[in-house]
Amino acid sequence: MSEVIIYGIPNCDTIKKTINWFDEHHVAYSFHNYKKTGIEKSTLKKWCKLVGWEMLLNKKGTTWKKIQPNFVDVEINESIAIDIMLENNSAIKRPVIEFKNKILVGFDEAALLKNFK
């Protein structure tokens, strides 16, 4: 199997749940920590092409709640969403699991089983 990369923040409960799932199912992966490594604009652009920026930008989290007042009168598009995620990587929905030129966004056990068993 090609390399699997789990993107996220280590103290996130959903990331912990995802990592536990991969460990329990003996699926090899590497972990990309946004807080230590950041994220490349080219990676976000690629992900947006695969699933759309609307799926990647987490508008339910505390980071969005803090920065949302800055965007009340702004019509968000892909370019603006990418800039937001570059400056506030906690606003990227977690996890993003990259494998075989595909990504899964969020923890979805059925999708994990379908792709990794």
N, C-alpha and C. Protein backbone atom coordinates (compact mmCIF):
# COMPACT_ATOMS: atom_id res chain seq x y z
N MET A 1 0.85 -1.18 0.00
CA MET A 1 0.00 0.00 0.00
C MET A 1 0.89 1.24 0.00
N SER A 2 0.43 2.26 -0.71
CA SER A 2 1.19 3.50 -0.75
C SER A 2 1.15 4.17 0.62
N GLU A 3 2.00 5.15 0.78
CA GLU A 3 2.09 5.82 2.07
C GLU A 3 0.79 6.54 2.42
N VAL A 4 0.43 6.45 3.66
CA VAL A 4 -0.74 7.13 4.20
C VAL A 4 -0.23 8.24 5.12
N ILE A 5 -0.75 9.45 4.93
CA ILE A 5 -0.37 10.57 5.78
C ILE A 5 -1.64 11.08 6.47
N ILE A 6 -1.58 11.17 7.79
CA ILE A 6 -2.66 11.75 8.57
C ILE A 6 -2.23 13.16 8.94
N TYR A 7 -3.01 14.14 8.53
CA TYR A 7 -2.73 15.54 8.81
C TYR A 7 -3.60 16.00 9.97
N GLY A 8 -3.00 16.74 10.90
CA GLY A 8 -3.80 17.25 12.00
C GLY A 8 -2.97 17.87 13.10
N ILE A 9 -3.59 17.94 14.25
CA ILE A 9 -3.00 18.53 15.46
C ILE A 9 -3.05 17.45 16.54
N PRO A 10 -1.92 17.14 17.16
CA PRO A 10 -1.87 15.98 18.07
C PRO A 10 -2.83 16.03 19.26
N ASN A 11 -3.19 17.21 19.75
CA ASN A 11 -4.06 17.26 20.92
C ASN A 11 -5.54 17.22 20.56
N CYS A 12 -5.87 17.06 19.29
CA CYS A 12 -7.26 16.99 18.82
C CYS A 12 -7.83 15.59 19.10
N ASP A 13 -8.99 15.53 19.73
CA ASP A 13 -9.60 14.24 20.06
C ASP A 13 -9.91 13.41 18.81
N THR A 14 -10.31 14.05 17.73
CA THR A 14 -10.61 13.32 16.50
C THR A 14 -9.33 12.74 15.89
N ILE A 15 -8.23 13.46 16.02
CA ILE A 15 -6.94 12.94 15.54
C ILE A 15 -6.54 11.73 16.39
N LYS A 16 -6.69 11.84 17.69
CA LYS A 16 -6.36 10.70 18.57
C LYS A 16 -7.19 9.48 18.20
N LYS A 17 -8.47 9.69 17.95
CA LYS A 17 -9.37 8.61 17.56
C LYS A 17 -8.92 7.99 16.23
N THR A 18 -8.53 8.84 15.30
CA THR A 18 -8.07 8.36 13.98
C THR A 18 -6.79 7.55 14.11
N ILE A 19 -5.83 8.07 14.86
CA ILE A 19 -4.56 7.36 15.04
C ILE A 19 -4.80 6.03 15.74
N ASN A 20 -5.66 6.02 16.74
CA ASN A 20 -6.00 4.75 17.41
C ASN A 20 -6.59 3.76 16.42
N TRP A 21 -7.47 4.24 15.54
CA TRP A 21 -8.08 3.36 14.54
C TRP A 21 -7.01 2.75 13.64
N PHE A 22 -6.09 3.56 13.14
CA PHE A 22 -5.02 3.06 12.27
C PHE A 22 -4.13 2.07 13.01
N ASP A 23 -3.80 2.37 14.27
CA ASP A 23 -2.96 1.47 15.06
C ASP A 23 -3.68 0.14 15.30
N GLU A 24 -4.96 0.20 15.69
CA GLU A 24 -5.73 -1.02 15.96
C GLU A 24 -5.91 -1.89 14.72
N HIS A 25 -5.95 -1.26 13.55
CA HIS A 25 -6.12 -2.00 12.30
C HIS A 25 -4.80 -2.26 11.58
N HIS A 26 -3.69 -1.96 12.25
CA HIS A 26 -2.35 -2.24 11.74
C HIS A 26 -2.12 -1.65 10.35
N VAL A 27 -2.54 -0.40 10.20
CA VAL A 27 -2.32 0.32 8.94
C VAL A 27 -1.19 1.31 9.18
N ALA A 28 -0.12 1.19 8.39
CA ALA A 28 1.02 2.09 8.54
C ALA A 28 0.65 3.49 8.05
N TYR A 29 1.18 4.49 8.74
CA TYR A 29 0.90 5.88 8.39
C TYR A 29 2.03 6.75 8.92
N SER A 30 2.09 7.96 8.41
CA SER A 30 2.93 8.98 9.03
C SER A 30 1.99 10.11 9.45
N PHE A 31 2.42 10.89 10.43
CA PHE A 31 1.59 11.96 10.96
C PHE A 31 2.22 13.30 10.62
N HIS A 32 1.43 14.18 10.04
CA HIS A 32 1.88 15.54 9.72
C HIS A 32 1.23 16.49 10.71
N ASN A 33 2.03 17.07 11.57
CA ASN A 33 1.56 17.97 12.62
C ASN A 33 1.55 19.40 12.08
N TYR A 34 0.35 19.95 11.87
CA TYR A 34 0.23 21.33 11.37
C TYR A 34 0.95 22.33 12.26
N LYS A 35 0.91 22.11 13.56
CA LYS A 35 1.49 23.08 14.48
C LYS A 35 3.00 23.15 14.36
N LYS A 36 3.64 22.02 14.08
CA LYS A 36 5.10 22.01 13.95
C LYS A 36 5.55 22.26 12.52
N THR A 37 4.84 21.71 11.55
CA THR A 37 5.29 21.72 10.17
C THR A 37 4.53 22.69 9.28
N GLY A 38 3.35 23.11 9.71
CA GLY A 38 2.54 23.97 8.87
C GLY A 38 1.94 23.18 7.71
N ILE A 39 1.44 23.89 6.73
CA ILE A 39 0.86 23.26 5.56
C ILE A 39 1.21 24.13 4.35
N GLU A 40 1.50 23.50 3.24
CA GLU A 40 1.85 24.22 2.02
C GLU A 40 0.60 24.66 1.27
N LYS A 41 0.69 25.82 0.66
CA LYS A 41 -0.42 26.33 -0.15
C LYS A 41 -0.74 25.35 -1.28
N SER A 42 0.29 24.77 -1.88
CA SER A 42 0.08 23.82 -2.98
C SER A 42 -0.70 22.59 -2.51
N THR A 43 -0.47 22.16 -1.28
CA THR A 43 -1.21 21.02 -0.72
C THR A 43 -2.68 21.39 -0.55
N LEU A 44 -2.95 22.57 0.00
CA LEU A 44 -4.34 23.00 0.16
C LEU A 44 -5.05 23.13 -1.19
N LYS A 45 -4.34 23.65 -2.19
CA LYS A 45 -4.93 23.77 -3.54
C LYS A 45 -5.28 22.40 -4.09
N LYS A 46 -4.37 21.44 -3.91
CA LYS A 46 -4.61 20.08 -4.39
C LYS A 46 -5.83 19.48 -3.69
N TRP A 47 -5.91 19.65 -2.38
CA TRP A 47 -7.05 19.13 -1.63
C TRP A 47 -8.35 19.77 -2.07
N CYS A 48 -8.32 21.08 -2.31
CA CYS A 48 -9.53 21.78 -2.76
C CYS A 48 -10.01 21.22 -4.10
N LYS A 49 -9.08 20.87 -4.96
CA LYS A 49 -9.47 20.26 -6.25
C LYS A 49 -10.11 18.88 -6.03
N LEU A 50 -9.64 18.16 -5.03
CA LEU A 50 -10.16 16.82 -4.76
C LEU A 50 -11.52 16.82 -4.07
N VAL A 51 -11.71 17.71 -3.09
CA VAL A 51 -12.96 17.66 -2.29
C VAL A 51 -13.67 19.00 -2.14
N GLY A 52 -13.07 20.08 -2.58
CA GLY A 52 -13.68 21.39 -2.43
C GLY A 52 -13.30 22.06 -1.12
N TRP A 53 -13.14 23.37 -1.17
CA TRP A 53 -12.72 24.11 0.03
C TRP A 53 -13.79 24.06 1.12
N GLU A 54 -15.04 23.94 0.72
CA GLU A 54 -16.12 23.92 1.69
C GLU A 54 -16.00 22.74 2.65
N MET A 55 -15.48 21.63 2.16
CA MET A 55 -15.30 20.46 3.02
C MET A 55 -14.08 20.63 3.94
N LEU A 56 -13.09 21.36 3.48
CA LEU A 56 -11.85 21.51 4.25
C LEU A 56 -11.92 22.57 5.34
N LEU A 57 -12.62 23.66 5.08
CA LEU A 57 -12.68 24.75 6.03
C LEU A 57 -13.69 24.41 7.13
N ASN A 58 -13.18 24.24 8.34
CA ASN A 58 -14.03 23.84 9.47
C ASN A 58 -14.70 25.07 10.08
N LYS A 59 -15.96 25.26 9.74
CA LYS A 59 -16.70 26.41 10.26
C LYS A 59 -17.44 26.09 11.56
N LYS A 60 -17.19 24.91 12.12
CA LYS A 60 -17.84 24.54 13.37
C LYS A 60 -16.89 24.61 14.57
N GLY A 61 -15.62 24.78 14.33
CA GLY A 61 -14.64 24.75 15.40
C GLY A 61 -14.43 26.10 16.07
N THR A 62 -13.68 26.06 17.16
CA THR A 62 -13.43 27.28 17.93
C THR A 62 -12.57 28.28 17.16
N THR A 63 -11.67 27.79 16.31
CA THR A 63 -10.84 28.71 15.53
C THR A 63 -11.71 29.56 14.63
N TRP A 64 -12.66 28.93 13.93
CA TRP A 64 -13.54 29.69 13.05
C TRP A 64 -14.37 30.70 13.85
N LYS A 65 -14.85 30.29 14.99
CA LYS A 65 -15.67 31.19 15.81
C LYS A 65 -14.87 32.44 16.21
N LYS A 66 -13.56 32.27 16.41
CA LYS A 66 -12.72 33.41 16.77
C LYS A 66 -12.47 34.33 15.58
N ILE A 67 -12.26 33.75 14.39
CA ILE A 67 -11.90 34.58 13.23
C ILE A 67 -13.09 34.97 12.37
N GLN A 68 -14.21 34.31 12.53
CA GLN A 68 -15.39 34.56 11.70
C GLN A 68 -15.82 36.03 11.67
N PRO A 69 -15.76 36.76 12.79
CA PRO A 69 -16.16 38.17 12.72
C PRO A 69 -15.39 38.99 11.68
N ASN A 70 -14.17 38.55 11.35
CA ASN A 70 -13.37 39.24 10.33
C ASN A 70 -13.90 38.99 8.92
N PHE A 71 -14.82 38.04 8.76
CA PHE A 71 -15.28 37.64 7.43
C PHE A 71 -16.79 37.78 7.26
N VAL A 72 -17.42 38.55 8.14
CA VAL A 72 -18.88 38.71 8.09
C VAL A 72 -19.34 39.24 6.74
N ASP A 73 -18.67 40.24 6.22
CA ASP A 73 -19.07 40.87 4.96
C ASP A 73 -18.25 40.38 3.77
N VAL A 74 -17.60 39.25 3.92
CA VAL A 74 -16.74 38.71 2.86
C VAL A 74 -17.39 37.46 2.28
N GLU A 75 -17.50 37.43 0.96
CA GLU A 75 -17.97 36.21 0.31
C GLU A 75 -16.76 35.29 0.14
N ILE A 76 -16.73 34.24 0.91
CA ILE A 76 -15.57 33.35 0.90
C ILE A 76 -15.58 32.50 -0.36
N ASN A 77 -14.42 32.44 -0.99
CA ASN A 77 -14.23 31.58 -2.16
C ASN A 77 -13.00 30.71 -1.88
N GLU A 78 -12.60 29.93 -2.84
CA GLU A 78 -11.47 29.01 -2.63
C GLU A 78 -10.19 29.75 -2.24
N SER A 79 -9.89 30.82 -2.92
CA SER A 79 -8.66 31.57 -2.65
C SER A 79 -8.65 32.12 -1.22
N ILE A 80 -9.75 32.71 -0.81
CA ILE A 80 -9.85 33.25 0.55
C ILE A 80 -9.80 32.12 1.58
N ALA A 81 -10.50 31.02 1.30
CA ALA A 81 -10.49 29.87 2.21
C ALA A 81 -9.07 29.33 2.39
N ILE A 82 -8.33 29.23 1.30
CA ILE A 82 -6.95 28.75 1.39
C ILE A 82 -6.11 29.69 2.24
N ASP A 83 -6.27 30.99 2.04
CA ASP A 83 -5.51 31.96 2.86
C ASP A 83 -5.88 31.82 4.33
N ILE A 84 -7.17 31.63 4.62
CA ILE A 84 -7.60 31.45 6.01
C ILE A 84 -6.94 30.21 6.60
N MET A 85 -6.94 29.10 5.86
CA MET A 85 -6.37 27.85 6.37
C MET A 85 -4.85 27.93 6.50
N LEU A 86 -4.18 28.70 5.63
CA LEU A 86 -2.74 28.88 5.75
C LEU A 86 -2.40 29.65 7.02
N GLU A 87 -3.18 30.68 7.32
CA GLU A 87 -2.91 31.51 8.48
C GLU A 87 -3.43 30.90 9.78
N ASN A 88 -4.42 30.03 9.67
CA ASN A 88 -5.06 29.43 10.85
C ASN A 88 -5.24 27.94 10.59
N ASN A 89 -4.15 27.18 10.67
CA ASN A 89 -4.25 25.77 10.28
C ASN A 89 -5.19 24.97 11.18
N SER A 90 -5.57 25.51 12.32
CA SER A 90 -6.57 24.85 13.16
C SER A 90 -7.96 24.93 12.53
N ALA A 91 -8.11 25.75 11.50
CA ALA A 91 -9.40 25.88 10.81
C ALA A 91 -9.57 24.82 9.72
N ILE A 92 -8.58 23.95 9.54
CA ILE A 92 -8.70 22.86 8.59
C ILE A 92 -9.40 21.70 9.30
N LYS A 93 -10.46 21.19 8.70
CA LYS A 93 -11.18 20.08 9.30
C LYS A 93 -10.23 18.91 9.50
N ARG A 94 -10.41 18.19 10.59
CA ARG A 94 -9.49 17.09 10.92
C ARG A 94 -10.26 15.79 11.09
N PRO A 95 -9.55 14.72 10.74
CA PRO A 95 -8.27 14.67 10.07
C PRO A 95 -8.43 14.83 8.56
N VAL A 96 -7.32 15.09 7.91
CA VAL A 96 -7.22 14.90 6.47
C VAL A 96 -6.28 13.72 6.30
N ILE A 97 -6.77 12.69 5.64
CA ILE A 97 -5.98 11.47 5.42
C ILE A 97 -5.69 11.39 3.93
N GLU A 98 -4.40 11.43 3.60
CA GLU A 98 -3.98 11.44 2.20
C GLU A 98 -3.38 10.08 1.84
N PHE A 99 -3.85 9.52 0.72
CA PHE A 99 -3.35 8.22 0.27
C PHE A 99 -3.74 8.03 -1.20
N LYS A 100 -2.90 7.37 -1.96
CA LYS A 100 -3.20 7.03 -3.36
C LYS A 100 -3.82 8.18 -4.14
N ASN A 101 -3.27 9.38 -4.01
CA ASN A 101 -3.80 10.56 -4.72
C ASN A 101 -5.25 10.85 -4.38
N LYS A 102 -5.69 10.43 -3.18
CA LYS A 102 -7.04 10.72 -2.69
C LYS A 102 -6.91 11.28 -1.28
N ILE A 103 -8.00 11.86 -0.79
CA ILE A 103 -8.05 12.25 0.61
C ILE A 103 -9.41 11.91 1.20
N LEU A 104 -9.38 11.65 2.49
CA LEU A 104 -10.59 11.55 3.29
C LEU A 104 -10.53 12.70 4.29
N VAL A 105 -11.66 13.36 4.51
CA VAL A 105 -11.71 14.48 5.44
C VAL A 105 -12.70 14.15 6.55
N GLY A 106 -12.22 14.23 7.78
CA GLY A 106 -13.04 13.89 8.93
C GLY A 106 -12.95 12.41 9.24
N PHE A 107 -13.36 12.05 10.45
CA PHE A 107 -13.32 10.64 10.85
C PHE A 107 -14.62 9.97 10.41
N ASP A 108 -14.47 8.99 9.53
CA ASP A 108 -15.61 8.23 9.00
C ASP A 108 -15.16 6.76 8.96
N GLU A 109 -15.58 5.99 9.97
CA GLU A 109 -15.10 4.61 10.08
C GLU A 109 -15.48 3.77 8.86
N ALA A 110 -16.66 3.97 8.30
CA ALA A 110 -17.06 3.20 7.11
C ALA A 110 -16.10 3.49 5.95
N ALA A 111 -15.74 4.75 5.77
CA ALA A 111 -14.80 5.11 4.69
C ALA A 111 -13.42 4.54 4.97
N LEU A 112 -13.01 4.54 6.24
CA LEU A 112 -11.72 3.96 6.60
C LEU A 112 -11.70 2.47 6.29
N LEU A 113 -12.74 1.78 6.71
CA LEU A 113 -12.82 0.33 6.44
C LEU A 113 -12.81 0.05 4.94
N LYS A 114 -13.53 0.83 4.19
CA LYS A 114 -13.61 0.64 2.73
C LYS A 114 -12.23 0.83 2.07
N ASN A 115 -11.46 1.80 2.56
CA ASN A 115 -10.19 2.13 1.91
C ASN A 115 -8.97 1.45 2.49
N PHE A 116 -9.07 0.93 3.72
CA PHE A 116 -7.87 0.40 4.38
C PHE A 116 -8.00 -1.02 4.90
N LYS A 117 -9.01 -1.76 4.49
CA LYS A 117 -9.13 -3.16 4.91
C LYS A 117 -9.20 -4.07 3.72
